[in-house]
Amino acid sequence: MLHISALEKLVHELTKLPGIGPKTAQRLAYYILKSREQYSADLSDALQRVQSEVHECPQCFNYTDSDVCRFCKDSHRQNDVLCLVEEPSDVMRIEASGAFRGRYHVLHGALSPLDGITPDDLKIKDLLKRIQDQANTTHPVREIIMALDADLEGDTTVLYLTKILQNSGIKLSRIAHGVPIGGDIDFIDDRTMSRALENRVEL
């Protein structure tokens, strides 16, 4: 216990951030406290701005501060290929690869019955409506790439989406998982090795 109410409150709020434990939260809180007053004002302003200015894109549900995000605005991207991701941060990771030039759809999570996260909590209905609306255009969706995490929640979501889209005539694929480039087989866990063997490619 810090026995300082305001400081304890700050530490408590910081521990709500993903990946921030009590010790890290304390270090951050002390850093903020000993920094110049202007830093606290700037941090507060940044938090208020991101809450007031940033919102979900109405088309793909990525975050944006415009009417639609820059990926939906880009007329040079493929309209008939959708990449499904769990979170907006995943979009930037895929973009950094430079290997995808289609459109995105952000689910904002993955199915997790144990945590009470159902299809109604994700942007799945919006995905189905998007597919239906686009079916009558010159560029109907022909492929959906599922770039979801290789964990239980990701697998559950992929299985669910595959089931409801299996008769849609749309090609369904999932990004490969396995041994990373530069990885040492001696340090690969059993699950990753299993995925690597399943996703092997012919030479």
Protein backbone atom coordinates (compact mmCIF):
# COMPACT_ATOMS: atom_id res chain seq x y z
CA MET A 1 0.00 0.00 0.00
CA LEU A 2 1.25 3.47 -0.89
CA HIS A 3 -0.99 5.19 1.69
CA ILE A 4 -1.45 8.14 -0.68
CA SER A 5 -4.97 8.07 -2.06
CA ALA A 6 -4.33 9.93 -5.33
CA LEU A 7 -1.21 7.88 -6.10
CA GLU A 8 -2.94 4.61 -5.30
CA LYS A 9 -5.78 5.61 -7.62
CA LEU A 10 -3.31 6.30 -10.44
CA VAL A 11 -1.55 2.96 -9.91
CA HIS A 12 -4.90 1.17 -9.84
CA GLU A 13 -5.96 2.72 -13.17
CA LEU A 14 -2.61 1.94 -14.79
CA THR A 15 -2.88 -1.75 -13.84
CA LYS A 16 -6.01 -1.94 -16.00
CA LEU A 17 -3.82 -1.50 -19.07
CA PRO A 18 -2.89 -4.80 -20.80
CA GLY A 19 0.54 -6.06 -19.84
CA ILE A 20 0.91 -3.64 -16.91
CA GLY A 21 1.33 -5.32 -13.52
CA PRO A 22 1.38 -3.61 -10.11
CA LYS A 23 5.16 -3.04 -10.08
CA THR A 24 5.23 -1.55 -13.57
CA ALA A 25 2.21 0.57 -12.71
CA GLN A 26 4.02 1.91 -9.64
CA ARG A 27 7.10 2.81 -11.71
CA LEU A 28 4.93 4.61 -14.27
CA ALA A 29 3.02 6.44 -11.55
CA TYR A 30 6.23 7.65 -9.89
CA TYR A 31 7.60 8.71 -13.27
CA ILE A 32 4.47 10.77 -13.96
CA LEU A 33 4.62 12.23 -10.47
CA LYS A 34 8.24 13.38 -10.70
CA SER A 35 7.94 14.63 -14.28
CA ARG A 36 7.26 18.26 -14.89
CA GLU A 37 3.66 19.37 -14.49
CA GLN A 38 3.45 19.96 -18.25
CA TYR A 39 3.82 16.22 -18.92
CA SER A 40 0.74 15.41 -16.82
CA ALA A 41 -1.19 18.12 -18.68
CA ASP A 42 -0.02 16.79 -22.05
CA LEU A 43 -0.91 13.21 -21.08
CA SER A 44 -4.34 14.28 -19.90
CA ASP A 45 -4.90 16.23 -23.13
CA ALA A 46 -3.83 13.25 -25.26
CA LEU A 47 -6.24 10.94 -23.42
CA GLN A 48 -9.13 13.38 -23.83
CA ARG A 49 -8.37 13.93 -27.53
CA VAL A 50 -8.21 10.23 -28.34
CA GLN A 51 -11.59 9.72 -26.63
CA SER A 52 -13.27 12.63 -28.42
CA GLU A 53 -11.66 12.40 -31.88
CA VAL A 54 -11.05 8.70 -32.56
CA HIS A 55 -13.96 6.42 -33.46
CA GLU A 56 -14.71 3.22 -35.36
CA CYS A 57 -14.76 3.34 -39.15
CA PRO A 58 -18.37 2.61 -40.20
CA GLN A 59 -17.16 0.27 -42.97
CA CYS A 60 -14.39 -1.88 -41.50
CA PHE A 61 -14.50 -0.90 -37.78
CA ASN A 62 -10.84 0.06 -37.65
CA TYR A 63 -10.08 3.18 -35.62
CA THR A 64 -10.01 6.52 -37.43
CA ASP A 65 -10.43 10.24 -36.87
CA SER A 66 -12.06 10.73 -40.30
CA ASP A 67 -15.47 9.77 -41.72
CA VAL A 68 -13.93 6.48 -42.90
CA CYS A 69 -10.42 5.11 -42.35
CA ARG A 70 -7.62 5.54 -44.86
CA PHE A 71 -7.73 1.89 -45.89
CA CYS A 72 -11.40 2.14 -46.86
CA LYS A 73 -10.72 5.41 -48.69
CA ASP A 74 -7.86 3.96 -50.73
CA SER A 75 -9.23 3.37 -54.23
CA HIS A 76 -6.20 1.26 -55.22
CA ARG A 77 -7.02 -1.60 -52.84
CA GLN A 78 -8.86 -4.79 -53.85
CA ASN A 79 -12.54 -4.66 -52.96
CA ASP A 80 -13.16 -8.39 -53.37
CA VAL A 81 -10.71 -9.64 -50.74
CA LEU A 82 -11.38 -9.13 -47.03
CA CYS A 83 -8.91 -9.73 -44.23
CA LEU A 84 -10.53 -10.44 -40.87
CA VAL A 85 -8.59 -9.40 -37.77
CA GLU A 86 -9.41 -9.42 -34.07
CA GLU A 87 -8.25 -5.92 -33.12
CA PRO A 88 -7.47 -2.60 -34.87
CA SER A 89 -3.82 -2.98 -33.86
CA ASP A 90 -3.64 -6.13 -36.01
CA VAL A 91 -4.32 -4.04 -39.12
CA MET A 92 -1.06 -2.15 -38.70
CA ARG A 93 0.91 -5.37 -38.22
CA ILE A 94 -0.44 -6.76 -41.50
CA GLU A 95 0.13 -3.46 -43.29
CA ALA A 96 3.75 -3.45 -42.11
CA SER A 97 4.32 -6.68 -44.05
CA GLY A 98 3.37 -4.98 -47.32
CA ALA A 99 1.88 -8.29 -48.50
CA PHE A 100 -1.83 -7.43 -48.41
CA ARG A 101 -3.66 -4.91 -50.60
CA GLY A 102 -7.29 -5.80 -49.95
CA ARG A 103 -9.84 -4.50 -47.46
CA TYR A 104 -10.09 -5.13 -43.73
CA HIS A 105 -12.84 -6.07 -41.29
CA VAL A 106 -12.13 -5.76 -37.57
CA LEU A 107 -14.11 -8.11 -35.31
CA HIS A 108 -13.10 -6.36 -32.06
CA GLY A 109 -12.34 -9.58 -30.25
CA ALA A 110 -12.72 -13.33 -30.57
CA LEU A 111 -15.32 -15.81 -29.39
CA SER A 112 -14.79 -16.93 -25.82
CA PRO A 113 -17.79 -18.71 -24.25
CA LEU A 114 -15.97 -19.00 -20.90
CA ASP A 115 -15.65 -15.19 -20.79
CA GLY A 116 -19.17 -14.65 -22.05
CA ILE A 117 -18.08 -13.31 -25.45
CA THR A 118 -20.63 -14.46 -28.03
CA PRO A 119 -21.09 -13.72 -31.76
CA ASP A 120 -23.39 -10.83 -30.80
CA ASP A 121 -20.46 -9.14 -29.02
CA LEU A 122 -18.34 -9.11 -32.19
CA LYS A 123 -18.73 -7.42 -35.59
CA ILE A 124 -19.95 -10.66 -37.20
CA LYS A 125 -23.44 -9.44 -38.14
CA ASP A 126 -21.79 -6.39 -39.69
CA LEU A 127 -19.53 -8.72 -41.69
CA LEU A 128 -22.48 -10.69 -43.02
CA LYS A 129 -24.32 -7.49 -43.95
CA ARG A 130 -21.20 -6.17 -45.66
CA ILE A 131 -20.91 -9.36 -47.72
CA GLN A 132 -24.61 -9.20 -48.64
CA ASP A 133 -24.49 -5.52 -49.59
CA GLN A 134 -21.39 -6.05 -51.70
CA ALA A 135 -22.87 -9.09 -53.47
CA ASN A 136 -24.89 -6.82 -55.76
CA THR A 137 -21.93 -4.66 -56.76
CA THR A 138 -19.29 -5.08 -59.46
CA HIS A 139 -16.85 -6.35 -56.81
CA PRO A 140 -18.54 -8.96 -54.62
CA VAL A 141 -16.40 -10.54 -51.89
CA ARG A 142 -14.64 -13.57 -53.38
CA GLU A 143 -12.16 -14.35 -50.60
CA ILE A 144 -11.96 -13.88 -46.84
CA ILE A 145 -8.59 -14.27 -45.15
CA MET A 146 -8.88 -14.96 -41.43
CA ALA A 147 -5.85 -13.41 -39.73
CA LEU A 148 -6.84 -14.42 -36.21
CA ASP A 149 -4.66 -15.48 -33.29
CA ALA A 150 -3.53 -19.11 -33.12
CA ASP A 151 -5.12 -19.69 -29.71
CA LEU A 152 -8.31 -21.32 -28.45
CA GLU A 153 -10.39 -18.17 -28.95
CA GLY A 154 -9.01 -17.60 -32.44
CA ASP A 155 -9.61 -21.24 -33.43
CA THR A 156 -13.16 -21.12 -32.06
CA THR A 157 -13.89 -17.96 -34.04
CA VAL A 158 -12.46 -19.43 -37.25
CA LEU A 159 -14.57 -22.59 -36.86
CA TYR A 160 -17.72 -20.54 -36.23
CA LEU A 161 -17.14 -18.24 -39.22
CA THR A 162 -16.28 -21.19 -41.47
CA LYS A 163 -19.55 -22.87 -40.51
CA ILE A 164 -21.76 -19.86 -41.27
CA LEU A 165 -19.91 -18.96 -44.49
CA GLN A 166 -19.31 -22.44 -45.91
CA ASN A 167 -22.19 -22.18 -48.41
CA SER A 168 -21.56 -18.57 -49.40
CA GLY A 169 -19.39 -19.40 -52.41
CA ILE A 170 -16.61 -17.28 -50.90
CA LYS A 171 -13.10 -18.71 -50.68
CA LEU A 172 -12.12 -18.98 -47.01
CA SER A 173 -8.48 -19.10 -45.93
CA ARG A 174 -6.45 -18.59 -42.78
CA ILE A 175 -2.96 -17.18 -42.40
CA ALA A 176 -0.33 -19.88 -41.90
CA HIS A 177 1.08 -20.51 -38.45
CA GLY A 178 4.29 -22.32 -37.65
CA VAL A 179 8.04 -21.92 -37.30
CA PRO A 180 8.95 -18.22 -37.59
CA ILE A 181 11.64 -17.02 -40.00
CA GLY A 182 14.96 -17.26 -38.20
CA GLY A 183 13.44 -19.55 -35.58
CA ASP A 184 15.34 -22.46 -34.05
CA ILE A 185 13.41 -25.76 -34.07
CA ASP A 186 14.94 -26.64 -30.68
CA PHE A 187 12.90 -23.84 -29.08
CA ILE A 188 9.58 -24.39 -30.88
CA ASP A 189 6.71 -25.58 -28.67
CA ASP A 190 4.62 -28.64 -29.56
CA ARG A 191 1.55 -26.66 -30.66
CA THR A 192 3.57 -24.45 -33.00
CA MET A 193 5.38 -27.46 -34.44
CA SER A 194 2.05 -29.19 -35.04
CA ARG A 195 0.76 -26.13 -36.91
CA ALA A 196 3.99 -25.92 -38.92
CA LEU A 197 3.59 -29.52 -40.07
CA GLU A 198 -0.08 -29.00 -40.93
CA ASN A 199 0.77 -25.88 -42.95
CA ARG A 200 3.78 -27.34 -44.73
CA VAL A 201 4.33 -26.29 -48.35
CA GLU A 202 5.44 -28.37 -51.31
CA LEU A 203 8.90 -27.60 -52.70
